[in-house]
Amino acid sequence: MKTIKVSVVTPDGPVYESDVEMVSTKAESGELGILAGHVPMVAPLQIGAVRLKKENQSDLVAVSGGFLEVRPDQVTILAQSAEQATDIDLDRAKSAKDRAEQRLNETKRENVDFKRAELALKRAMNRINVSERNI
């Protein structure tokens, strides 16, 4: 099967680079599956996992939003933050999840930013899910 070059890049530098057979991820418009020769496009990404399928394996990368650019021979993901499943600190992600849930449950405090807490919870859950699927 044909391959396509994939780069996942954050402001801190590259996170993933490889030739893969298929990229699947969640864009704001829905699920995307990208193969070599795909029509060029740009799409905003949701907080979620990027599955990168190779011959007999799949790599997972947790991304926290960003953009996906597709060219016939290359896919570039520009993410606000991204971590390969093997690099995720599961204990840290669970602590972040607990803190976000605690903030969401604090209804008595008026200065709680619920949108920010919800996004923190989504990011933490994404990291946990990606890490646990890789085990």
N, C-alpha and C. Protein backbone atom coordinates (compact mmCIF):
# COMPACT_ATOMS: atom_id res chain seq x y z
N MET A 1 0.84 -1.18 0.00
CA MET A 1 0.00 0.00 0.00
C MET A 1 0.89 1.25 0.00
N LYS A 2 0.46 2.29 -0.69
CA LYS A 2 1.19 3.54 -0.76
C LYS A 2 1.25 4.20 0.61
N THR A 3 2.31 4.97 0.85
CA THR A 3 2.43 5.68 2.12
C THR A 3 2.43 7.18 1.88
N ILE A 4 2.20 7.90 2.97
CA ILE A 4 2.20 9.35 2.95
C ILE A 4 3.02 9.82 4.15
N LYS A 5 3.80 10.87 3.95
CA LYS A 5 4.63 11.40 5.02
C LYS A 5 3.76 12.22 5.97
N VAL A 6 3.92 11.97 7.28
CA VAL A 6 3.13 12.68 8.29
C VAL A 6 4.07 13.37 9.27
N SER A 7 3.78 14.62 9.57
CA SER A 7 4.51 15.39 10.58
C SER A 7 3.51 15.98 11.55
N VAL A 8 3.74 15.75 12.84
CA VAL A 8 2.95 16.39 13.89
C VAL A 8 3.89 17.36 14.59
N VAL A 9 3.54 18.64 14.55
CA VAL A 9 4.41 19.69 15.05
C VAL A 9 3.65 20.56 16.05
N THR A 10 4.35 20.95 17.13
CA THR A 10 3.80 21.86 18.13
C THR A 10 4.72 23.09 18.20
N PRO A 11 4.33 24.12 18.95
CA PRO A 11 5.24 25.26 19.13
C PRO A 11 6.57 24.85 19.77
N ASP A 12 6.59 23.73 20.49
CA ASP A 12 7.82 23.25 21.12
C ASP A 12 8.68 22.41 20.20
N GLY A 13 8.19 22.11 19.00
CA GLY A 13 8.97 21.33 18.05
C GLY A 13 8.22 20.12 17.54
N PRO A 14 8.89 19.28 16.73
CA PRO A 14 8.23 18.10 16.16
C PRO A 14 7.95 17.04 17.23
N VAL A 15 6.81 16.38 17.08
CA VAL A 15 6.40 15.32 18.01
C VAL A 15 6.42 13.97 17.31
N TYR A 16 6.10 13.95 16.01
CA TYR A 16 6.01 12.69 15.28
C TYR A 16 6.33 12.95 13.82
N GLU A 17 7.15 12.09 13.23
CA GLU A 17 7.43 12.14 11.80
C GLU A 17 7.63 10.71 11.31
N SER A 18 6.87 10.33 10.29
CA SER A 18 7.00 8.99 9.74
C SER A 18 6.20 8.89 8.45
N ASP A 19 6.44 7.82 7.71
CA ASP A 19 5.63 7.49 6.55
C ASP A 19 4.58 6.49 7.02
N VAL A 20 3.31 6.77 6.75
CA VAL A 20 2.22 5.91 7.19
C VAL A 20 1.30 5.61 6.01
N GLU A 21 0.47 4.59 6.20
CA GLU A 21 -0.50 4.23 5.16
C GLU A 21 -1.78 5.03 5.27
N MET A 22 -2.17 5.37 6.51
CA MET A 22 -3.43 6.08 6.72
C MET A 22 -3.38 6.93 7.98
N VAL A 23 -4.01 8.09 7.91
CA VAL A 23 -4.16 8.98 9.05
C VAL A 23 -5.65 9.09 9.32
N SER A 24 -6.06 8.88 10.57
CA SER A 24 -7.46 9.12 10.91
C SER A 24 -7.52 9.98 12.16
N THR A 25 -8.42 10.96 12.13
CA THR A 25 -8.53 11.92 13.22
C THR A 25 -9.91 12.57 13.20
N LYS A 26 -10.17 13.40 14.21
CA LYS A 26 -11.43 14.14 14.29
C LYS A 26 -11.19 15.61 13.97
N ALA A 27 -11.82 16.06 12.91
CA ALA A 27 -11.79 17.48 12.57
C ALA A 27 -13.07 18.10 13.11
N GLU A 28 -13.15 19.41 13.08
CA GLU A 28 -14.37 20.10 13.52
C GLU A 28 -15.57 19.66 12.69
N SER A 29 -15.33 19.28 11.43
CA SER A 29 -16.42 18.89 10.53
C SER A 29 -16.76 17.40 10.62
N GLY A 30 -15.98 16.62 11.38
CA GLY A 30 -16.25 15.20 11.53
C GLY A 30 -15.00 14.36 11.39
N GLU A 31 -15.19 13.05 11.33
CA GLU A 31 -14.07 12.11 11.22
C GLU A 31 -13.41 12.22 9.84
N LEU A 32 -12.09 12.14 9.83
CA LEU A 32 -11.34 12.18 8.58
C LEU A 32 -10.45 10.95 8.48
N GLY A 33 -10.40 10.36 7.31
CA GLY A 33 -9.46 9.30 6.98
C GLY A 33 -8.69 9.73 5.76
N ILE A 34 -7.36 9.75 5.86
CA ILE A 34 -6.54 10.29 4.79
C ILE A 34 -5.55 9.23 4.31
N LEU A 35 -5.54 9.01 3.00
CA LEU A 35 -4.62 8.09 2.36
C LEU A 35 -3.72 8.89 1.41
N ALA A 36 -2.67 8.26 0.91
CA ALA A 36 -1.78 8.91 -0.07
C ALA A 36 -2.61 9.35 -1.28
N GLY A 37 -2.32 10.54 -1.78
CA GLY A 37 -3.03 11.06 -2.94
C GLY A 37 -4.33 11.78 -2.60
N HIS A 38 -4.61 11.97 -1.32
CA HIS A 38 -5.83 12.66 -0.89
C HIS A 38 -5.86 14.07 -1.46
N VAL A 39 -7.03 14.57 -1.72
CA VAL A 39 -7.20 15.92 -2.23
C VAL A 39 -6.66 16.92 -1.18
N PRO A 40 -5.97 17.97 -1.63
CA PRO A 40 -5.46 18.96 -0.68
C PRO A 40 -6.59 19.62 0.12
N MET A 41 -6.32 19.85 1.40
CA MET A 41 -7.32 20.49 2.26
C MET A 41 -6.66 20.98 3.53
N VAL A 42 -7.36 21.86 4.23
CA VAL A 42 -6.96 22.33 5.56
C VAL A 42 -8.20 22.22 6.43
N ALA A 43 -8.03 21.68 7.65
CA ALA A 43 -9.18 21.52 8.54
C ALA A 43 -8.76 21.76 9.98
N PRO A 44 -9.61 22.46 10.76
CA PRO A 44 -9.33 22.60 12.19
C PRO A 44 -9.61 21.28 12.91
N LEU A 45 -8.78 20.94 13.88
CA LEU A 45 -8.93 19.69 14.61
C LEU A 45 -9.59 19.89 15.97
N GLN A 46 -10.28 18.85 16.42
CA GLN A 46 -10.82 18.82 17.76
C GLN A 46 -9.77 18.23 18.70
N ILE A 47 -10.00 18.35 19.98
CA ILE A 47 -9.19 17.63 20.95
C ILE A 47 -9.48 16.16 20.74
N GLY A 48 -8.45 15.36 20.47
CA GLY A 48 -8.69 13.95 20.21
C GLY A 48 -7.42 13.22 19.84
N ALA A 49 -7.59 11.97 19.44
CA ALA A 49 -6.47 11.12 19.06
C ALA A 49 -6.28 11.14 17.56
N VAL A 50 -5.04 11.10 17.15
CA VAL A 50 -4.69 10.93 15.74
C VAL A 50 -4.13 9.51 15.63
N ARG A 51 -4.77 8.69 14.82
CA ARG A 51 -4.30 7.31 14.61
C ARG A 51 -3.51 7.27 13.31
N LEU A 52 -2.30 6.77 13.42
CA LEU A 52 -1.39 6.70 12.28
C LEU A 52 -1.11 5.23 12.01
N LYS A 53 -1.70 4.71 10.92
CA LYS A 53 -1.61 3.28 10.63
C LYS A 53 -0.44 2.99 9.70
N LYS A 54 0.39 2.04 10.15
CA LYS A 54 1.49 1.53 9.35
C LYS A 54 1.16 0.09 9.01
N GLU A 55 2.12 -0.65 8.46
CA GLU A 55 1.89 -2.02 8.01
C GLU A 55 1.09 -2.86 9.00
N ASN A 56 1.67 -3.19 10.12
CA ASN A 56 1.00 -4.06 11.09
C ASN A 56 0.82 -3.39 12.44
N GLN A 57 0.88 -2.08 12.48
CA GLN A 57 0.77 -1.38 13.76
C GLN A 57 0.09 -0.05 13.57
N SER A 58 -0.34 0.51 14.69
CA SER A 58 -0.90 1.85 14.71
C SER A 58 -0.22 2.65 15.80
N ASP A 59 0.14 3.87 15.48
CA ASP A 59 0.66 4.79 16.48
C ASP A 59 -0.45 5.77 16.82
N LEU A 60 -0.50 6.17 18.09
CA LEU A 60 -1.49 7.15 18.53
C LEU A 60 -0.78 8.39 19.04
N VAL A 61 -1.35 9.55 18.69
CA VAL A 61 -0.85 10.83 19.17
C VAL A 61 -2.06 11.59 19.71
N ALA A 62 -1.96 12.05 20.95
CA ALA A 62 -3.01 12.88 21.54
C ALA A 62 -2.75 14.33 21.14
N VAL A 63 -3.74 14.97 20.50
CA VAL A 63 -3.59 16.37 20.12
C VAL A 63 -4.66 17.20 20.81
N SER A 64 -4.29 18.43 21.15
CA SER A 64 -5.22 19.36 21.79
C SER A 64 -5.55 20.48 20.82
N GLY A 65 -6.32 20.14 19.81
CA GLY A 65 -6.71 21.12 18.81
C GLY A 65 -5.57 21.41 17.84
N GLY A 66 -5.81 22.33 16.97
CA GLY A 66 -4.83 22.70 15.97
C GLY A 66 -5.41 22.58 14.57
N PHE A 67 -4.53 22.41 13.59
CA PHE A 67 -4.94 22.33 12.19
C PHE A 67 -4.27 21.16 11.49
N LEU A 68 -4.95 20.64 10.51
CA LEU A 68 -4.46 19.55 9.68
C LEU A 68 -4.35 20.10 8.25
N GLU A 69 -3.18 19.96 7.65
CA GLU A 69 -2.99 20.35 6.26
C GLU A 69 -2.66 19.10 5.46
N VAL A 70 -3.43 18.87 4.41
CA VAL A 70 -3.22 17.69 3.57
C VAL A 70 -2.76 18.14 2.19
N ARG A 71 -1.65 17.55 1.76
CA ARG A 71 -1.17 17.70 0.39
C ARG A 71 -1.07 16.29 -0.17
N PRO A 72 -1.02 16.11 -1.47
CA PRO A 72 -1.02 14.75 -2.04
C PRO A 72 0.07 13.83 -1.48
N ASP A 73 1.21 14.39 -1.10
CA ASP A 73 2.32 13.56 -0.64
C ASP A 73 2.67 13.76 0.83
N GLN A 74 1.94 14.64 1.55
CA GLN A 74 2.29 14.93 2.93
C GLN A 74 1.10 15.43 3.73
N VAL A 75 1.05 15.02 5.00
CA VAL A 75 0.07 15.53 5.96
C VAL A 75 0.86 16.21 7.07
N THR A 76 0.49 17.45 7.37
CA THR A 76 1.11 18.17 8.47
C THR A 76 0.03 18.53 9.48
N ILE A 77 0.28 18.18 10.74
CA ILE A 77 -0.63 18.54 11.83
C ILE A 77 0.08 19.57 12.69
N LEU A 78 -0.49 20.76 12.74
CA LEU A 78 0.02 21.83 13.57
C LEU A 78 -0.87 21.88 14.81
N ALA A 79 -0.36 21.38 15.92
CA ALA A 79 -1.16 21.24 17.12
C ALA A 79 -0.69 22.20 18.21
N GLN A 80 -1.64 22.63 19.02
CA GLN A 80 -1.29 23.48 20.17
C GLN A 80 -0.43 22.69 21.15
N SER A 81 -0.79 21.43 21.34
CA SER A 81 0.05 20.49 22.09
C SER A 81 -0.23 19.09 21.57
N ALA A 82 0.77 18.23 21.65
CA ALA A 82 0.62 16.86 21.17
C ALA A 82 1.61 15.97 21.90
N GLU A 83 1.19 14.73 22.15
CA GLU A 83 2.06 13.76 22.81
C GLU A 83 1.81 12.39 22.20
N GLN A 84 2.88 11.67 21.93
CA GLN A 84 2.73 10.29 21.52
C GLN A 84 2.26 9.49 22.73
N ALA A 85 1.50 8.44 22.46
CA ALA A 85 0.94 7.63 23.54
C ALA A 85 2.01 7.14 24.50
N THR A 86 3.16 6.78 23.97
CA THR A 86 4.24 6.26 24.82
C THR A 86 4.87 7.33 25.70
N ASP A 87 4.67 8.61 25.38
CA ASP A 87 5.27 9.71 26.14
C ASP A 87 4.33 10.30 27.19
N ILE A 88 3.09 9.85 27.23
CA ILE A 88 2.11 10.44 28.16
C ILE A 88 2.37 9.94 29.57
N ASP A 89 2.42 10.88 30.51
CA ASP A 89 2.53 10.56 31.93
C ASP A 89 1.10 10.34 32.44
N LEU A 90 0.72 9.07 32.59
CA LEU A 90 -0.65 8.72 32.94
C LEU A 90 -1.06 9.27 34.30
N ASP A 91 -0.18 9.23 35.27
CA ASP A 91 -0.50 9.76 36.61
C ASP A 91 -0.76 11.27 36.55
N ARG A 92 0.04 11.97 35.77
CA ARG A 92 -0.14 13.42 35.61
C ARG A 92 -1.47 13.73 34.91
N ALA A 93 -1.80 12.94 33.90
CA ALA A 93 -3.07 13.13 33.19
C ALA A 93 -4.26 12.87 34.11
N LYS A 94 -4.17 11.84 34.95
CA LYS A 94 -5.26 11.55 35.89
C LYS A 94 -5.40 12.65 36.93
N SER A 95 -4.28 13.21 37.38
CA SER A 95 -4.33 14.33 38.32
C SER A 95 -4.99 15.55 37.67
N ALA A 96 -4.66 15.81 36.42
CA ALA A 96 -5.26 16.93 35.71
C ALA A 96 -6.77 16.72 35.55
N LYS A 97 -7.17 15.50 35.29
CA LYS A 97 -8.59 15.16 35.17
C LYS A 97 -9.30 15.42 36.49
N ASP A 98 -8.70 14.97 37.60
CA ASP A 98 -9.30 15.16 38.91
C ASP A 98 -9.43 16.65 39.25
N ARG A 99 -8.40 17.43 38.95
CA ARG A 99 -8.45 18.88 39.21
C ARG A 99 -9.56 19.55 38.39
N ALA A 100 -9.67 19.18 37.12
CA ALA A 100 -10.70 19.77 36.26
C ALA A 100 -12.10 19.40 36.76
N GLU A 101 -12.29 18.14 37.13
CA GLU A 101 -13.60 17.72 37.66
C GLU A 101 -13.93 18.45 38.95
N GLN A 102 -12.92 18.65 39.79
CA GLN A 102 -13.13 19.37 41.05
C GLN A 102 -13.56 20.82 40.76
N ARG A 103 -12.90 21.47 39.80
CA ARG A 103 -13.28 22.84 39.44
C ARG A 103 -14.70 22.91 38.90
N LEU A 104 -15.09 21.92 38.11
CA LEU A 104 -16.44 21.91 37.55
C LEU A 104 -17.50 21.68 38.64
N ASN A 105 -17.13 20.99 39.70
CA ASN A 105 -18.07 20.70 40.78
C ASN A 105 -18.16 21.82 41.81
N GLU A 106 -17.32 22.81 41.72
CA GLU A 106 -17.33 23.93 42.67
C GLU A 106 -18.34 24.98 42.23
N THR A 107 -19.59 24.72 42.51
CA THR A 107 -20.65 25.64 42.08
C THR A 107 -20.75 26.87 42.98
N LYS A 108 -20.21 26.81 44.19
CA LYS A 108 -20.32 27.94 45.12
C LYS A 108 -19.36 29.07 44.75
N ARG A 109 -18.28 28.75 44.10
CA ARG A 109 -17.31 29.78 43.74
C ARG A 109 -17.74 30.45 42.44
N GLU A 110 -17.83 31.75 42.48
CA GLU A 110 -18.30 32.48 41.30
C GLU A 110 -17.21 32.68 40.25
N ASN A 111 -15.97 32.61 40.64
CA ASN A 111 -14.90 32.93 39.70
C ASN A 111 -14.38 31.70 38.95
N VAL A 112 -15.09 30.59 39.03
CA VAL A 112 -14.67 29.40 38.30
C VAL A 112 -14.98 29.59 36.81
N ASP A 113 -13.98 29.42 35.98
CA ASP A 113 -14.15 29.53 34.54
C ASP A 113 -14.52 28.14 34.02
N PHE A 114 -15.83 27.91 33.83
CA PHE A 114 -16.31 26.58 33.47
C PHE A 114 -15.82 26.13 32.09
N LYS A 115 -15.77 27.03 31.13
CA LYS A 115 -15.32 26.66 29.79
C LYS A 115 -13.86 26.18 29.83
N ARG A 116 -13.05 26.91 30.57
CA ARG A 116 -11.64 26.52 30.70
C ARG A 116 -11.50 25.17 31.42
N ALA A 117 -12.31 24.96 32.45
CA ALA A 117 -12.28 23.69 33.18
C ALA A 117 -12.76 22.54 32.29
N GLU A 118 -13.79 22.79 31.48
CA GLU A 118 -14.28 21.76 30.56
C GLU A 118 -13.21 21.38 29.54
N LEU A 119 -12.50 22.37 28.99
CA LEU A 119 -11.43 22.09 28.04
C LEU A 119 -10.28 21.32 28.70
N ALA A 120 -9.96 21.69 29.94
CA ALA A 120 -8.91 20.96 30.66
C ALA A 120 -9.32 19.51 30.88
N LEU A 121 -10.60 19.30 31.19
CA LEU A 121 -11.10 17.94 31.38
C LEU A 121 -11.03 17.14 30.07
N LYS A 122 -11.42 17.76 28.96
CA LYS A 122 -11.34 17.08 27.66
C LYS A 122 -9.91 16.70 27.31
N ARG A 123 -8.97 17.62 27.54
CA ARG A 123 -7.56 17.34 27.24
C ARG A 123 -7.05 16.19 28.09
N ALA A 124 -7.38 16.22 29.38
CA ALA A 124 -6.93 15.15 30.28
C ALA A 124 -7.53 13.81 29.89
N MET A 125 -8.82 13.78 29.59
CA MET A 125 -9.48 12.53 29.19
C MET A 125 -8.88 11.98 27.89
N ASN A 126 -8.58 12.87 26.96
CA ASN A 126 -7.96 12.46 25.70
C ASN A 126 -6.60 11.82 25.96
N ARG A 127 -5.78 12.44 26.80
CA ARG A 127 -4.46 11.89 27.11
C ARG A 127 -4.58 10.54 27.79
N ILE A 128 -5.52 10.40 28.71
CA ILE A 128 -5.74 9.13 29.40
C ILE A 128 -6.17 8.05 28.42
N ASN A 129 -7.14 8.37 27.57
CA ASN A 129 -7.64 7.39 26.59
C ASN A 129 -6.56 6.95 25.62
N VAL A 130 -5.78 7.89 25.13
CA VAL A 130 -4.70 7.55 24.19
C VAL A 130 -3.65 6.68 24.88
N SER A 131 -3.28 7.06 26.09
CA SER A 131 -2.27 6.29 26.82
C SER A 131 -2.75 4.88 27.12
N GLU A 132 -4.00 4.72 27.54
CA GLU A 132 -4.51 3.40 27.90
C GLU A 132 -4.73 2.52 26.69
N ARG A 133 -5.05 3.10 25.54
CA ARG A 133 -5.21 2.30 24.31
C ARG A 133 -3.89 1.77 23.80
N ASN A 134 -2.80 2.42 24.22
CA ASN A 134 -1.47 2.01 23.76
C ASN A 134 -0.88 0.90 24.64
N ILE A 135 -1.44 0.69 25.81
CA ILE A 135 -0.88 -0.31 26.74
C ILE A 135 -1.09 -1.72 26.23
